[in-house]
Structures are given as structure tokens and as C-alpha cells.
Amino acid sequence: MSKLQMVRKVTCVTTNKEQPSDLDYWQSRSISERIDAIEMLRESYMSYQKNVPQRFQRVYRITQQT
């Protein structure tokens, strides 16, 4: 005989105030972990883009000293 198992679906409803803050989470991570996460997101985003070089653009400003 096979045993029948009942599967129950559980749904939790919360408000935004009850959820932990993303800022608190990322502030608790080390700097290297934050940079690794940013790089992972950048690589993921760039993999979906076509005809875009996978590097950051250089931005600079030339000013005159008076």
C-alpha cells in the first residue's frame, strides 16, 4: 500500500513595515561582499544587452584653474 500525504500550502502576508530593511542587510555585509554583489548584478544585466561593450564608460571633466 502507498501512503497518501497531504500537502498544505502556506501563505504569509506581511506589510513593508514588518519586513527587514534592505539597507540594514547591506550595511551588515562587508565591503568586498557588497562589491561582489554589484559586479554580479552588472554582469547579469550586461549579458542581456547586445552590442554594448562590457565595461564602464569613463567619465571625466576638464576644468581650468584660475
PDB file of N, CA and C in Angstrom:
ATOM      1  N   MET A   1       0.832  -1.196   0.000  1.00  0.00           N
ATOM      2  CA  MET A   1       0.000   0.000   0.000  1.00  0.00           C
ATOM      3  C   MET A   1       0.869   1.248   0.000  1.00  0.00           C
ATOM      4  N   SER A   2       0.413   2.243  -0.704  1.00  0.00           N
ATOM      5  CA  SER A   2       1.153   3.510  -0.697  1.00  0.00           C
ATOM      6  C   SER A   2       0.501   4.462   0.290  1.00  0.00           C
ATOM      7  N   LYS A   3       1.339   5.242   0.927  1.00  0.00           N
ATOM      8  CA  LYS A   3       0.829   6.205   1.889  1.00  0.00           C
ATOM      9  C   LYS A   3       0.474   7.495   1.163  1.00  0.00           C
ATOM     10  N   LEU A   4      -0.625   8.057   1.484  1.00  0.00           N
ATOM     11  CA  LEU A   4      -1.028   9.349   0.926  1.00  0.00           C
ATOM     12  C   LEU A   4      -0.579  10.447   1.872  1.00  0.00           C
ATOM     13  N   GLN A   5      -0.011  11.483   1.305  1.00  0.00           N
ATOM     14  CA  GLN A   5       0.420  12.614   2.116  1.00  0.00           C
ATOM     15  C   GLN A   5      -0.357  13.849   1.707  1.00  0.00           C
ATOM     16  N   MET A   6      -0.718  14.614   2.690  1.00  0.00           N
ATOM     17  CA  MET A   6      -1.440  15.849   2.430  1.00  0.00           C
ATOM     18  C   MET A   6      -0.429  16.985   2.353  1.00  0.00           C
ATOM     19  N   VAL A   7      -0.511  17.779   1.310  1.00  0.00           N
ATOM     20  CA  VAL A   7       0.366  18.926   1.148  1.00  0.00           C
ATOM     21  C   VAL A   7      -0.466  20.169   1.415  1.00  0.00           C
ATOM     22  N   ARG A   8       0.028  20.975   2.335  1.00  0.00           N
ATOM     23  CA  ARG A   8      -0.692  22.206   2.673  1.00  0.00           C
ATOM     24  C   ARG A   8       0.087  23.393   2.133  1.00  0.00           C
ATOM     25  N   LYS A   9      -0.617  24.283   1.519  1.00  0.00           N
ATOM     26  CA  LYS A   9       0.007  25.488   1.003  1.00  0.00           C
ATOM     27  C   LYS A   9      -0.126  26.565   2.071  1.00  0.00           C
ATOM     28  N   VAL A  10       1.004  27.161   2.428  1.00  0.00           N
ATOM     29  CA  VAL A  10       1.025  28.187   3.461  1.00  0.00           C
ATOM     30  C   VAL A  10       1.391  29.506   2.807  1.00  0.00           C
ATOM     31  N   THR A  11       0.598  30.523   3.061  1.00  0.00           N
ATOM     32  CA  THR A  11       0.855  31.850   2.531  1.00  0.00           C
ATOM     33  C   THR A  11       0.936  32.827   3.691  1.00  0.00           C
ATOM     34  N   CYS A  12       2.018  33.604   3.711  1.00  0.00           N
ATOM     35  CA  CYS A  12       2.197  34.610   4.749  1.00  0.00           C
ATOM     36  C   CYS A  12       2.038  35.991   4.122  1.00  0.00           C
ATOM     37  N   VAL A  13       1.217  36.799   4.708  1.00  0.00           N
ATOM     38  CA  VAL A  13       1.005  38.153   4.224  1.00  0.00           C
ATOM     39  C   VAL A  13       1.589  39.111   5.249  1.00  0.00           C
ATOM     40  N   THR A  14       2.482  39.996   4.777  1.00  0.00           N
ATOM     41  CA  THR A  14       3.103  40.960   5.670  1.00  0.00           C
ATOM     42  C   THR A  14       3.032  42.339   5.049  1.00  0.00           C
ATOM     43  N   THR A  15       3.296  43.332   5.845  1.00  0.00           N
ATOM     44  CA  THR A  15       3.374  44.687   5.328  1.00  0.00           C
ATOM     45  C   THR A  15       4.840  45.044   5.157  1.00  0.00           C
ATOM     46  N   ASN A  16       5.121  46.121   4.445  1.00  0.00           N
ATOM     47  CA  ASN A  16       6.502  46.545   4.248  1.00  0.00           C
ATOM     48  C   ASN A  16       7.171  46.906   5.567  1.00  0.00           C
ATOM     49  N   LYS A  17       6.414  47.399   6.516  1.00  0.00           N
ATOM     50  CA  LYS A  17       6.981  47.783   7.807  1.00  0.00           C
ATOM     51  C   LYS A  17       7.463  46.573   8.592  1.00  0.00           C
ATOM     52  N   GLU A  18       6.864  45.409   8.351  1.00  0.00           N
ATOM     53  CA  GLU A  18       7.231  44.205   9.081  1.00  0.00           C
ATOM     54  C   GLU A  18       8.453  43.502   8.480  1.00  0.00           C
ATOM     55  N   GLN A  19       8.800  43.842   7.245  1.00  0.00           N
ATOM     56  CA  GLN A  19       9.925  43.189   6.589  1.00  0.00           C
ATOM     57  C   GLN A  19      11.232  43.874   6.981  1.00  0.00           C
ATOM     58  N   PRO A  20      12.303  43.093   7.047  1.00  0.00           N
ATOM     59  CA  PRO A  20      13.591  43.700   7.389  1.00  0.00           C
ATOM     60  C   PRO A  20      14.051  44.664   6.296  1.00  0.00           C
ATOM     61  N   SER A  21      14.811  45.635   6.690  1.00  0.00           N
ATOM     62  CA  SER A  21      15.269  46.663   5.768  1.00  0.00           C
ATOM     63  C   SER A  21      16.410  46.140   4.899  1.00  0.00           C
ATOM     64  N   ASP A  22      16.352  46.426   3.589  1.00  0.00           N
ATOM     65  CA  ASP A  22      17.449  46.078   2.703  1.00  0.00           C
ATOM     66  C   ASP A  22      18.697  46.854   3.093  1.00  0.00           C
ATOM     67  N   LEU A  23      18.523  48.094   3.491  1.00  0.00           N
ATOM     68  CA  LEU A  23      19.655  48.919   3.880  1.00  0.00           C
ATOM     69  C   LEU A  23      20.387  48.295   5.066  1.00  0.00           C
ATOM     70  N   ASP A  24      19.636  47.845   6.057  1.00  0.00           N
ATOM     71  CA  ASP A  24      20.260  47.200   7.219  1.00  0.00           C
ATOM     72  C   ASP A  24      21.044  45.955   6.807  1.00  0.00           C
ATOM     73  N   TYR A  25      20.468  45.181   5.882  1.00  0.00           N
ATOM     74  CA  TYR A  25      21.148  43.969   5.422  1.00  0.00           C
ATOM     75  C   TYR A  25      22.471  44.314   4.752  1.00  0.00           C
ATOM     76  N   TRP A  26      22.444  45.247   3.801  1.00  0.00           N
ATOM     77  CA  TRP A  26      23.664  45.559   3.059  1.00  0.00           C
ATOM     78  C   TRP A  26      24.696  46.273   3.920  1.00  0.00           C
ATOM     79  N   GLN A  27      24.259  47.020   4.904  1.00  0.00           N
ATOM     80  CA  GLN A  27      25.219  47.646   5.807  1.00  0.00           C
ATOM     81  C   GLN A  27      25.891  46.611   6.706  1.00  0.00           C
ATOM     82  N   SER A  28      25.245  45.483   6.910  1.00  0.00           N
ATOM     83  CA  SER A  28      25.840  44.437   7.737  1.00  0.00           C
ATOM     84  C   SER A  28      26.839  43.578   6.954  1.00  0.00           C
ATOM     85  N   ARG A  29      26.854  43.702   5.630  1.00  0.00           N
ATOM     86  CA  ARG A  29      27.785  42.952   4.783  1.00  0.00           C
ATOM     87  C   ARG A  29      29.122  43.691   4.691  1.00  0.00           C
ATOM     88  N   SER A  30      30.189  42.948   4.440  1.00  0.00           N
ATOM     89  CA  SER A  30      31.500  43.577   4.284  1.00  0.00           C
ATOM     90  C   SER A  30      31.556  44.312   2.942  1.00  0.00           C
ATOM     91  N   ILE A  31      32.529  45.194   2.816  1.00  0.00           N
ATOM     92  CA  ILE A  31      32.667  45.963   1.581  1.00  0.00           C
ATOM     93  C   ILE A  31      32.923  45.039   0.397  1.00  0.00           C
ATOM     94  N   SER A  32      33.744  44.025   0.587  1.00  0.00           N
ATOM     95  CA  SER A  32      34.034  43.104  -0.525  1.00  0.00           C
ATOM     96  C   SER A  32      32.785  42.329  -0.952  1.00  0.00           C
ATOM     97  N   GLU A  33      31.917  41.978   0.004  1.00  0.00           N
ATOM     98  CA  GLU A  33      30.665  41.294  -0.344  1.00  0.00           C
ATOM     99  C   GLU A  33      29.747  42.218  -1.134  1.00  0.00           C
ATOM    100  N   ARG A  34      29.707  43.489  -0.777  1.00  0.00           N
ATOM    101  CA  ARG A  34      28.873  44.453  -1.496  1.00  0.00           C
ATOM    102  C   ARG A  34      29.368  44.632  -2.930  1.00  0.00           C
ATOM    103  N   ILE A  35      30.687  44.757  -3.078  1.00  0.00           N
ATOM    104  CA  ILE A  35      31.251  44.929  -4.417  1.00  0.00           C
ATOM    105  C   ILE A  35      31.017  43.683  -5.264  1.00  0.00           C
ATOM    106  N   ASP A  36      31.164  42.501  -4.671  1.00  0.00           N
ATOM    107  CA  ASP A  36      30.891  41.256  -5.393  1.00  0.00           C
ATOM    108  C   ASP A  36      29.436  41.198  -5.860  1.00  0.00           C
ATOM    109  N   ALA A  37      28.511  41.643  -5.022  1.00  0.00           N
ATOM    110  CA  ALA A  37      27.092  41.643  -5.385  1.00  0.00           C
ATOM    111  C   ALA A  37      26.826  42.615  -6.529  1.00  0.00           C
ATOM    112  N   ILE A  38      27.451  43.784  -6.482  1.00  0.00           N
ATOM    113  CA  ILE A  38      27.280  44.762  -7.558  1.00  0.00           C
ATOM    114  C   ILE A  38      27.835  44.208  -8.864  1.00  0.00           C
ATOM    115  N   GLU A  39      28.984  43.578  -8.805  1.00  0.00           N
ATOM    116  CA  GLU A  39      29.592  43.011 -10.011  1.00  0.00           C
ATOM    117  C   GLU A  39      28.722  41.900 -10.584  1.00  0.00           C
ATOM    118  N   MET A  40      28.142  41.063  -9.720  1.00  0.00           N
ATOM    119  CA  MET A  40      27.252  40.003 -10.194  1.00  0.00           C
ATOM    120  C   MET A  40      26.035  40.596 -10.899  1.00  0.00           C
ATOM    121  N   LEU A  41      25.445  41.642 -10.322  1.00  0.00           N
ATOM    122  CA  LEU A  41      24.295  42.293 -10.952  1.00  0.00           C
ATOM    123  C   LEU A  41      24.671  42.932 -12.285  1.00  0.00           C
ATOM    124  N   ARG A  42      25.845  43.570 -12.326  1.00  0.00           N
ATOM    125  CA  ARG A  42      26.303  44.220 -13.556  1.00  0.00           C
ATOM    126  C   ARG A  42      26.523  43.182 -14.659  1.00  0.00           C
ATOM    127  N   GLU A  43      27.180  42.072 -14.324  1.00  0.00           N
ATOM    128  CA  GLU A  43      27.414  41.025 -15.310  1.00  0.00           C
ATOM    129  C   GLU A  43      26.100  40.421 -15.806  1.00  0.00           C
ATOM    130  N   SER A  44      25.159  40.227 -14.896  1.00  0.00           N
ATOM    131  CA  SER A  44      23.855  39.695 -15.275  1.00  0.00           C
ATOM    132  C   SER A  44      23.130  40.645 -16.218  1.00  0.00           C
ATOM    133  N   TYR A  45      23.139  41.923 -15.906  1.00  0.00           N
ATOM    134  CA  TYR A  45      22.489  42.928 -16.743  1.00  0.00           C
ATOM    135  C   TYR A  45      23.154  42.990 -18.110  1.00  0.00           C
ATOM    136  N   MET A  46      24.494  43.007 -18.136  1.00  0.00           N
ATOM    137  CA  MET A  46      25.214  43.140 -19.391  1.00  0.00           C
ATOM    138  C   MET A  46      25.056  41.913 -20.278  1.00  0.00           C
ATOM    139  N   SER A  47      24.783  40.757 -19.707  1.00  0.00           N
ATOM    140  CA  SER A  47      24.617  39.557 -20.523  1.00  0.00           C
ATOM    141  C   SER A  47      23.340  39.624 -21.365  1.00  0.00           C
ATOM    142  N   TYR A  48      22.382  40.452 -20.968  1.00  0.00           N
ATOM    143  CA  TYR A  48      21.146  40.602 -21.728  1.00  0.00           C
ATOM    144  C   TYR A  48      21.225  41.712 -22.770  1.00  0.00           C
ATOM    145  N   GLN A  49      22.241  42.546 -22.688  1.00  0.00           N
ATOM    146  CA  GLN A  49      22.397  43.662 -23.615  1.00  0.00           C
ATOM    147  C   GLN A  49      23.201  43.212 -24.828  1.00  0.00           C
ATOM    148  N   LYS A  50      22.789  43.642 -25.996  1.00  0.00           N
ATOM    149  CA  LYS A  50      23.505  43.308 -27.228  1.00  0.00           C
ATOM    150  C   LYS A  50      24.240  44.546 -27.723  1.00  0.00           C
ATOM    151  N   ASN A  51      25.397  44.345 -28.323  1.00  0.00           N
ATOM    152  CA  ASN A  51      26.202  45.411 -28.922  1.00  0.00           C
ATOM    153  C   ASN A  51      26.614  46.493 -27.926  1.00  0.00           C
ATOM    154  N   VAL A  52      26.823  46.096 -26.685  1.00  0.00           N
ATOM    155  CA  VAL A  52      27.282  47.037 -25.674  1.00  0.00           C
ATOM    156  C   VAL A  52      28.573  46.467 -25.087  1.00  0.00           C
ATOM    157  N   PRO A  53      29.652  47.258 -25.112  1.00  0.00           N
ATOM    158  CA  PRO A  53      30.891  46.735 -24.511  1.00  0.00           C
ATOM    159  C   PRO A  53      30.705  46.507 -23.014  1.00  0.00           C
ATOM    160  N   GLN A  54      31.242  45.414 -22.516  1.00  0.00           N
ATOM    161  CA  GLN A  54      31.048  45.071 -21.119  1.00  0.00           C
ATOM    162  C   GLN A  54      32.096  45.747 -20.247  1.00  0.00           C
ATOM    163  N   ARG A  55      31.981  47.039 -20.144  1.00  0.00           N
ATOM    164  CA  ARG A  55      32.858  47.826 -19.280  1.00  0.00           C
ATOM    165  C   ARG A  55      32.128  49.109 -18.930  1.00  0.00           C
ATOM    166  N   PHE A  56      32.607  49.766 -17.903  1.00  0.00           N
ATOM    167  CA  PHE A  56      32.042  51.047 -17.531  1.00  0.00           C
ATOM    168  C   PHE A  56      32.591  52.127 -18.450  1.00  0.00           C
ATOM    169  N   GLN A  57      31.770  53.105 -18.747  1.00  0.00           N
ATOM    170  CA  GLN A  57      32.249  54.237 -19.528  1.00  0.00           C
ATOM    171  C   GLN A  57      33.080  55.137 -18.625  1.00  0.00           C
ATOM    172  N   ARG A  58      34.099  55.716 -19.208  1.00  0.00           N
ATOM    173  CA  ARG A  58      34.889  56.660 -18.444  1.00  0.00           C
ATOM    174  C   ARG A  58      34.236  58.024 -18.517  1.00  0.00           C
ATOM    175  N   VAL A  59      34.133  58.635 -17.383  1.00  0.00           N
ATOM    176  CA  VAL A  59      33.536  59.959 -17.302  1.00  0.00           C
ATOM    177  C   VAL A  59      34.571  60.869 -16.667  1.00  0.00           C
ATOM    178  N   TYR A  60      34.851  61.981 -17.329  1.00  0.00           N
ATOM    179  CA  TYR A  60      35.807  62.932 -16.770  1.00  0.00           C
ATOM    180  C   TYR A  60      35.415  64.328 -17.186  1.00  0.00           C
ATOM    181  N   ARG A  61      35.948  65.287 -16.501  1.00  0.00           N
ATOM    182  CA  ARG A  61      35.649  66.690 -16.751  1.00  0.00           C
ATOM    183  C   ARG A  61      36.968  67.452 -16.740  1.00  0.00           C
ATOM    184  N   ILE A  62      37.160  68.287 -17.728  1.00  0.00           N
ATOM    185  CA  ILE A  62      38.360  69.116 -17.799  1.00  0.00           C
ATOM    186  C   ILE A  62      37.969  70.501 -17.309  1.00  0.00           C
ATOM    187  N   THR A  63      38.688  70.961 -16.316  1.00  0.00           N
ATOM    188  CA  THR A  63      38.419  72.284 -15.777  1.00  0.00           C
ATOM    189  C   THR A  63      39.663  73.134 -15.894  1.00  0.00           C
ATOM    190  N   GLN A  64      39.489  74.418 -15.905  1.00  0.00           N
ATOM    191  CA  GLN A  64      40.622  75.337 -15.958  1.00  0.00           C
ATOM    192  C   GLN A  64      40.814  75.948 -14.581  1.00  0.00           C
ATOM    193  N   GLN A  65      42.059  76.005 -14.206  1.00  0.00           N
ATOM    194  CA  GLN A  65      42.386  76.595 -12.923  1.00  0.00           C
ATOM    195  C   GLN A  65      42.620  78.080 -13.122  1.00  0.00           C
ATOM    196  N   THR A  66      41.993  78.927 -12.322  1.00  0.00           N
ATOM    197  CA  THR A  66      42.165  80.377 -12.491  1.00  0.00           C
ATOM    198  C   THR A  66      43.013  80.965 -11.397  1.00  0.00           C
TER     199      THR A  66
END
